[in-house]
Protein backbone atom coordinates (compact mmCIF):
# COMPACT_ATOMS: atom_id res chain seq x y z
CA MET A 1 5.37 -17.23 36.31
CA ALA A 2 7.23 -14.72 34.15
CA ASP A 3 6.15 -14.11 30.60
CA PRO A 4 9.16 -15.75 28.38
CA HIS A 5 8.77 -13.36 25.64
CA ILE A 6 10.23 -9.98 27.09
CA PRO A 7 8.49 -6.97 24.85
CA VAL A 8 11.49 -5.03 24.13
CA LEU A 9 12.33 -1.79 25.00
CA LEU A 10 9.10 -1.45 26.88
CA ALA A 11 10.51 0.61 29.99
CA PRO A 12 12.00 3.61 27.74
CA LEU A 13 8.37 3.47 25.60
CA LEU A 14 6.50 4.00 28.76
CA ARG A 15 8.87 7.11 29.72
CA ALA A 16 8.99 8.58 26.27
CA VAL A 17 5.04 8.53 25.97
CA ALA A 18 4.56 9.09 29.31
CA PRO A 19 1.73 9.92 31.25
CA VAL A 20 -0.06 7.19 29.62
CA ARG A 21 -4.19 8.11 29.57
CA GLY A 22 -6.93 7.09 27.16
CA THR A 23 -7.19 4.53 24.40
CA TRP A 24 -4.37 3.01 22.91
CA LEU A 25 -3.89 0.25 19.88
CA ASP A 26 -0.85 -1.92 19.89
CA GLY A 27 -0.87 -3.23 15.95
CA THR A 28 1.19 -5.63 16.97
CA PHE A 29 -0.33 -7.32 19.98
CA GLY A 30 1.62 -10.75 19.73
CA ALA A 31 2.56 -12.17 23.16
CA GLY A 32 1.06 -9.13 24.69
CA GLY A 33 3.55 -6.99 26.48
CA TYR A 34 3.09 -3.56 25.12
CA ALA A 35 -0.53 -4.25 26.03
CA ARG A 36 -0.29 -5.22 29.41
CA GLY A 37 2.54 -2.70 29.90
CA LEU A 38 0.46 0.57 28.74
CA LEU A 39 -2.77 -0.52 30.46
CA GLU A 40 -0.44 -1.11 33.68
CA ALA A 41 0.80 2.26 33.34
CA GLY A 42 -2.48 4.17 32.98
CA ALA A 43 -3.87 3.28 29.90
CA ASP A 44 -8.04 3.42 29.88
CA ARG A 45 -8.15 0.91 27.31
CA VAL A 46 -5.93 -0.94 24.85
CA ILE A 47 -7.38 -2.56 21.29
CA GLY A 48 -4.63 -5.14 20.68
CA VAL A 49 -4.75 -5.43 16.61
CA ASP A 50 -2.48 -8.43 15.29
CA ARG A 51 -2.88 -10.74 11.97
CA ASP A 52 -2.40 -13.86 13.56
CA PRO A 53 -5.21 -15.36 15.33
CA SER A 54 -2.92 -17.56 17.28
CA VAL A 55 -2.00 -15.26 19.53
CA PHE A 56 -5.75 -14.31 20.68
CA ARG A 57 -6.15 -17.83 21.74
CA MET A 58 -2.70 -17.98 23.76
CA ALA A 59 -4.30 -14.48 25.23
CA GLN A 60 -7.05 -16.39 26.93
CA THR A 61 -5.14 -17.32 30.04
CA TRP A 62 -4.40 -13.83 30.88
CA CYS A 63 -6.45 -11.37 29.05
CA GLY A 64 -9.79 -11.54 31.12
CA GLY A 65 -8.24 -9.72 34.16
CA TYR A 66 -8.41 -6.61 32.09
CA GLY A 67 -12.36 -6.90 31.37
CA ASP A 68 -13.29 -4.47 28.88
CA ARG A 69 -10.34 -2.68 28.66
CA LEU A 70 -8.80 -4.87 26.69
CA ARG A 71 -10.22 -5.56 23.20
CA LEU A 72 -8.85 -8.19 21.02
CA VAL A 73 -8.89 -7.43 17.03
CA GLU A 74 -7.81 -10.09 14.09
CA GLY A 75 -6.72 -7.69 11.40
CA THR A 76 -3.61 -6.28 9.97
CA PHE A 77 -2.45 -2.49 10.93
CA SER A 78 -2.28 -0.67 8.10
CA ASP A 79 -6.42 -1.06 8.39
CA MET A 80 -6.02 0.17 12.07
CA ASP A 81 -8.19 3.17 11.73
CA ARG A 82 -11.30 1.45 10.65
CA LEU A 83 -10.58 -1.68 13.58
CA ALA A 84 -9.85 1.17 15.87
CA GLY A 85 -13.45 2.40 15.46
CA GLN A 86 -12.44 5.52 16.99
CA PRO A 87 -9.68 8.61 17.77
CA LEU A 88 -6.86 7.09 19.84
CA ASP A 89 -4.81 8.36 22.04
CA GLY A 90 -1.58 6.25 21.29
CA VAL A 91 -0.17 3.54 18.92
CA VAL A 92 2.27 1.24 19.39
CA LEU A 93 4.02 -1.07 16.91
CA ASP A 94 6.59 -3.71 17.28
CA LEU A 95 7.60 -4.79 14.06
CA GLY A 96 9.06 -7.58 12.57
CA VAL A 97 8.79 -11.48 13.73
CA SER A 98 7.84 -11.80 17.19
CA SER A 99 10.36 -14.85 19.52
CA MET A 100 7.32 -16.23 20.05
CA GLN A 101 6.98 -17.32 16.40
CA LEU A 102 10.33 -17.86 15.87
CA ASP A 103 10.17 -20.42 18.87
CA GLN A 104 7.30 -22.23 16.79
CA ALA A 105 8.66 -24.64 14.39
CA GLU A 106 5.98 -25.53 12.93
CA ARG A 107 5.42 -21.50 11.99
CA GLY A 108 8.42 -22.19 9.63
CA PHE A 109 9.71 -18.74 10.69
CA SER A 110 13.37 -20.13 12.12
CA PHE A 111 16.03 -21.50 10.74
CA LEU A 112 17.37 -22.67 13.41
CA ARG A 113 14.40 -25.11 14.11
CA ASP A 114 13.37 -27.27 11.38
CA GLY A 115 9.77 -27.23 10.32
CA PRO A 116 7.14 -26.42 7.35
CA LEU A 117 8.61 -24.08 4.97
CA ASP A 118 5.28 -21.67 5.62
CA MET A 119 6.58 -17.67 7.40
CA ARG A 120 3.01 -16.47 6.89
CA MET A 121 1.92 -14.50 9.93
CA GLY A 122 -1.71 -14.75 8.96
CA GLY A 123 -4.16 -14.46 5.89
CA ASP A 124 -4.77 -16.43 3.33
CA VAL A 125 -1.68 -15.60 1.39
CA PRO A 126 1.08 -18.10 -0.42
CA SER A 127 3.48 -19.64 2.30
CA ALA A 128 7.49 -19.21 1.64
CA ALA A 129 7.22 -22.75 -0.16
CA ASP A 130 4.88 -21.68 -2.78
CA LEU A 131 6.45 -18.58 -3.39
CA LEU A 132 10.04 -20.43 -3.60
CA ASN A 133 8.94 -22.88 -5.95
CA THR A 134 7.26 -21.36 -8.21
CA ALA A 135 8.89 -17.65 -8.69
CA ASP A 136 11.38 -16.96 -11.45
CA GLU A 137 15.16 -17.05 -10.18
CA ALA A 138 15.25 -13.33 -10.94
CA VAL A 139 12.37 -12.73 -8.93
CA ILE A 140 13.89 -14.57 -6.14
CA ALA A 141 17.66 -12.88 -6.05
CA ASP A 142 16.00 -9.61 -5.99
CA VAL A 143 13.81 -10.27 -3.36
CA LEU A 144 16.99 -11.52 -1.32
CA TYR A 145 18.99 -8.66 -2.70
CA HIS A 146 16.36 -6.10 -1.55
CA TYR A 147 14.79 -6.93 1.51
CA GLY A 148 18.04 -8.70 3.11
CA GLU A 149 20.64 -6.91 1.49
CA GLU A 150 22.22 -10.56 1.08
CA ARG A 151 25.16 -9.59 -1.66
CA ALA A 152 25.02 -13.49 -2.71
CA ALA A 153 21.67 -13.28 -3.47
CA ARG A 154 21.64 -14.51 -7.61
CA ARG A 155 24.12 -17.34 -6.10
CA ILE A 156 21.54 -18.23 -3.44
CA ALA A 157 18.66 -18.16 -5.96
CA ARG A 158 20.23 -20.22 -8.41
CA ALA A 159 20.81 -22.56 -5.61
CA ILE A 160 17.35 -22.70 -4.73
CA VAL A 161 15.66 -23.22 -8.09
CA ALA A 162 18.07 -26.15 -8.19
CA ALA A 163 16.76 -27.69 -5.46
CA ARG A 164 13.04 -27.05 -5.85
CA PRO A 165 10.54 -28.31 -4.90
CA LEU A 166 11.58 -27.10 -1.23
CA SER A 167 8.90 -28.10 2.14
CA ARG A 168 11.10 -27.60 5.14
CA THR A 169 13.23 -24.81 6.65
CA ALA A 170 16.34 -27.13 7.12
CA GLU A 171 16.39 -27.64 3.37
CA LEU A 172 16.51 -23.67 2.92
CA ALA A 173 18.63 -23.17 5.62
CA GLU A 174 21.35 -25.62 4.27
CA ILE A 175 20.97 -24.29 0.80
CA VAL A 176 21.76 -20.95 1.92
CA ALA A 177 24.47 -21.89 3.92
CA GLY A 178 25.99 -24.18 1.37
CA CYS A 179 26.77 -20.91 -0.29
CA LEU A 180 28.30 -18.54 2.12
CA PRO A 181 31.73 -18.66 3.74
CA ARG A 182 31.60 -20.64 6.97
CA PRO A 183 30.65 -17.59 9.67
CA LYS A 184 33.03 -16.86 12.20
CA PRO A 185 32.95 -17.07 16.38
CA GLY A 186 30.18 -13.99 17.08
CA GLN A 187 28.85 -13.78 13.32
CA SER A 188 25.08 -14.41 12.79
CA HIS A 189 23.93 -17.28 11.04
CA PRO A 190 24.54 -17.76 7.16
CA ALA A 191 20.69 -17.90 6.62
CA THR A 192 19.70 -14.78 8.41
CA ARG A 193 19.39 -12.24 5.76
CA SER A 194 17.94 -14.45 3.89
CA PHE A 195 14.85 -15.78 5.82
CA GLN A 196 14.41 -12.18 6.86
CA ALA A 197 13.82 -11.12 3.18
CA ILE A 198 11.50 -14.02 2.13
CA ARG A 199 9.38 -13.52 5.49
CA ILE A 200 9.00 -9.98 4.71
CA TRP A 201 8.10 -10.73 0.80
CA VAL A 202 6.02 -13.40 2.08
CA ASN A 203 3.66 -10.96 4.70
CA ASP A 204 4.46 -7.78 2.46
CA GLU A 205 5.54 -6.12 5.65
CA PHE A 206 7.41 -2.82 4.22
CA GLY A 207 3.84 -2.31 1.98
CA GLN A 208 2.25 -2.96 5.61
CA LEU A 209 4.41 -1.03 7.55
CA VAL A 210 3.83 2.19 4.81
CA ALA A 211 0.06 2.08 5.10
CA GLY A 212 0.34 1.71 8.72
CA LEU A 213 2.08 4.86 9.52
CA SER A 214 -0.20 6.72 7.30
CA ALA A 215 -3.18 4.59 9.18
CA ALA A 216 -1.78 5.71 12.55
CA GLU A 217 -1.98 9.36 11.35
CA ARG A 218 -5.61 9.14 10.16
CA ALA A 219 -6.46 7.13 13.81
CA LEU A 220 -4.47 9.68 16.26
CA LYS A 221 -6.43 12.43 18.06
CA PRO A 222 -4.04 16.09 18.24
CA GLY A 223 -1.57 15.22 20.86
CA GLY A 224 -1.77 11.49 20.08
CA GLN A 225 1.34 9.47 20.33
CA LEU A 226 2.73 7.17 17.59
CA ALA A 227 5.08 4.42 19.29
CA VAL A 228 7.33 2.22 16.60
CA VAL A 229 10.10 -0.33 17.61
CA SER A 230 11.87 -1.61 15.05
CA PHE A 231 14.50 -4.26 14.56
CA HIS A 232 16.65 -3.56 11.57
CA SER A 233 18.01 -0.62 9.72
CA LEU A 234 15.33 -1.17 6.44
CA GLU A 235 12.19 -0.98 8.76
CA ASP A 236 14.37 2.03 10.76
CA ARG A 237 14.59 4.37 7.63
CA ILE A 238 11.48 4.14 6.42
CA VAL A 239 10.17 5.01 9.84
CA LYS A 240 12.53 8.04 10.46
CA ARG A 241 11.87 9.26 6.96
CA PHE A 242 7.80 9.05 7.58
CA MET A 243 8.14 10.59 10.59
CA GLN A 244 10.38 13.32 8.99
CA ALA A 245 8.23 14.22 6.19
CA ARG A 246 5.31 14.12 8.14
CA ALA A 247 6.98 16.80 10.81
CA ASP A 248 8.46 18.65 7.77
CA ALA A 249 7.08 22.56 7.45
CA GLY A 250 8.51 22.52 4.07
CA GLY A 251 8.72 26.04 2.54
CA GLY A 252 12.36 27.43 2.39
CA GLY A 253 14.08 27.12 -0.36
CA ASN A 254 16.79 28.47 -2.58
CA ARG A 255 18.08 30.02 -5.99
CA TYR A 256 18.75 25.66 -7.15
CA ALA A 257 15.42 24.20 -5.46
CA PRO A 258 12.47 25.61 -6.02
CA VAL A 259 10.31 26.85 -2.82
CA GLN A 260 8.20 23.70 -1.54
CA GLU A 261 4.44 24.44 -0.76
CA THR A 262 3.98 24.90 2.71
CA VAL A 263 2.11 22.39 4.85
CA VAL A 264 1.27 21.88 7.91
CA PRO A 265 3.09 19.17 10.14
CA ALA A 266 1.29 16.35 10.84
CA PHE A 267 3.00 15.51 13.67
CA ARG A 268 5.96 16.92 16.05
CA LEU A 269 8.89 14.99 16.83
CA PRO A 270 9.62 15.11 20.59
CA PHE A 271 13.69 12.82 20.49
CA ARG A 272 16.08 14.25 18.03
CA ARG A 273 17.35 10.66 17.81
CA ALA A 274 16.07 7.37 18.05
CA VAL A 275 16.24 5.99 21.78
CA GLY A 276 17.91 2.19 21.93
CA PRO A 277 18.20 -0.08 24.66
CA ASP A 278 20.05 0.81 28.01
CA PRO A 279 23.24 -1.65 29.26
CA ASP A 280 20.23 -3.22 31.69
CA GLU A 281 17.65 -4.28 29.36
CA LEU A 282 20.76 -6.00 27.29
CA ASP A 283 21.97 -8.02 30.09
CA VAL A 284 18.40 -9.21 30.37
CA ASN A 285 17.01 -9.46 27.15
CA PRO A 286 20.01 -9.93 24.19
CA ARG A 287 17.44 -9.69 21.22
CA ALA A 288 16.79 -5.79 22.26
CA ARG A 289 20.48 -4.77 21.07
CA SER A 290 19.46 -3.84 17.11
CA ALA A 291 15.99 -2.45 18.37
CA LEU A 292 15.21 1.47 18.00
CA LEU A 293 12.02 3.53 19.58
CA ARG A 294 11.00 6.14 17.32
CA VAL A 295 7.97 8.52 18.56
CA GLY A 296 5.73 11.35 16.90
CA VAL A 297 2.93 13.29 18.58
CA ARG A 298 -0.03 14.19 16.67
CA THR A 299 -0.97 17.66 15.65
CA ASP A 300 -4.14 18.94 14.75
CA ALA A 301 -3.08 19.28 11.11
CA PRO A 302 -5.75 16.78 9.00
CA ALA A 303 -3.76 13.78 7.56
CA GLY A 304 -2.30 14.21 4.52
CA HIS A 305 -0.50 11.30 1.85
CA VAL A 306 3.30 10.39 1.86
CA ASP A 307 4.52 8.67 -1.40
CA ALA A 308 6.16 5.16 -0.18
CA ALA A 309 9.02 6.47 -2.98
CA ALA A 310 9.88 8.85 -0.55
CA LEU A 311 10.31 7.03 2.20
CA ALA A 312 13.56 4.99 0.37
CA MET A 313 11.06 1.54 0.83
CA PRO A 314 12.96 -1.37 -0.87
CA ARG A 315 11.12 -2.27 -4.15
CA LEU A 316 11.36 -5.12 -6.41
CA PRO A 317 12.26 -3.87 -9.88
CA ALA A 318 9.63 -4.30 -12.46
CA LYS A 319 10.10 -7.38 -14.45
CA GLY A 320 9.31 -7.24 -18.60
CA GLY A 321 8.14 -3.67 -18.75
CA ALA A 322 9.48 -0.80 -20.33
């Protein structure tokens, strides 16, 4: 029986990193689609990392067929260099929430399925209900605006606070929808941006992404490849700027700007632009419509550091400070 959770941009990814060999780490294991694709394409071994322990229980039905070529590890990809325990030939990251998690109403990710207002991908962290029921209205508004680009953030935050305590996804979706115009045919659900923002807040997704990109730089061998699939502009902007920053040799300068210290690039970029889905994939998997793939190839330069502020990572404004 075919896996209903189709890995997005798998074929373009495998073409972009071919030939696939050595040890790869799939930092967002999920339903295992990328890991299986890499193993079938020739990877000697794949280390599957996920912060959600339930995905490994579901993988027990098929992972044994790969023997010791597949190792599953619970953890976050921001810690991948330690979890891998060895230099890597490749890293793949599929950002955001998986379709498998969206399909599980009890996880609380979907506004289309009523369930507990949870949204945790794993780990001992506060749930969405915990945060929404205790945070200041201004903090909730900042989350919706900066993490979800929701223009009605203040109105929605005010309605959330007025309706507390909240415990169900259907309650939250109804509150958000009540603050926004009825969508026109073909438009996304009114709660899309708010649910995205709250999920990112609960799981510290942007902080994890920045830390994970740096961890990949530390973990990859010279010639190792980093492949990242993102689904919305905020994620892709962070990935794009990280790769550009770590592939920039610096130097130059002019009479208006000082000469920068020359730094040996940690990555080279084999593609000038992100790779998107082709029409055939969109026919089979509409979820791929917003997906973008970026690839970087590790050089032999020492791993360095990049400031999160330089990556345009959305940040919540500081409260109560100077």
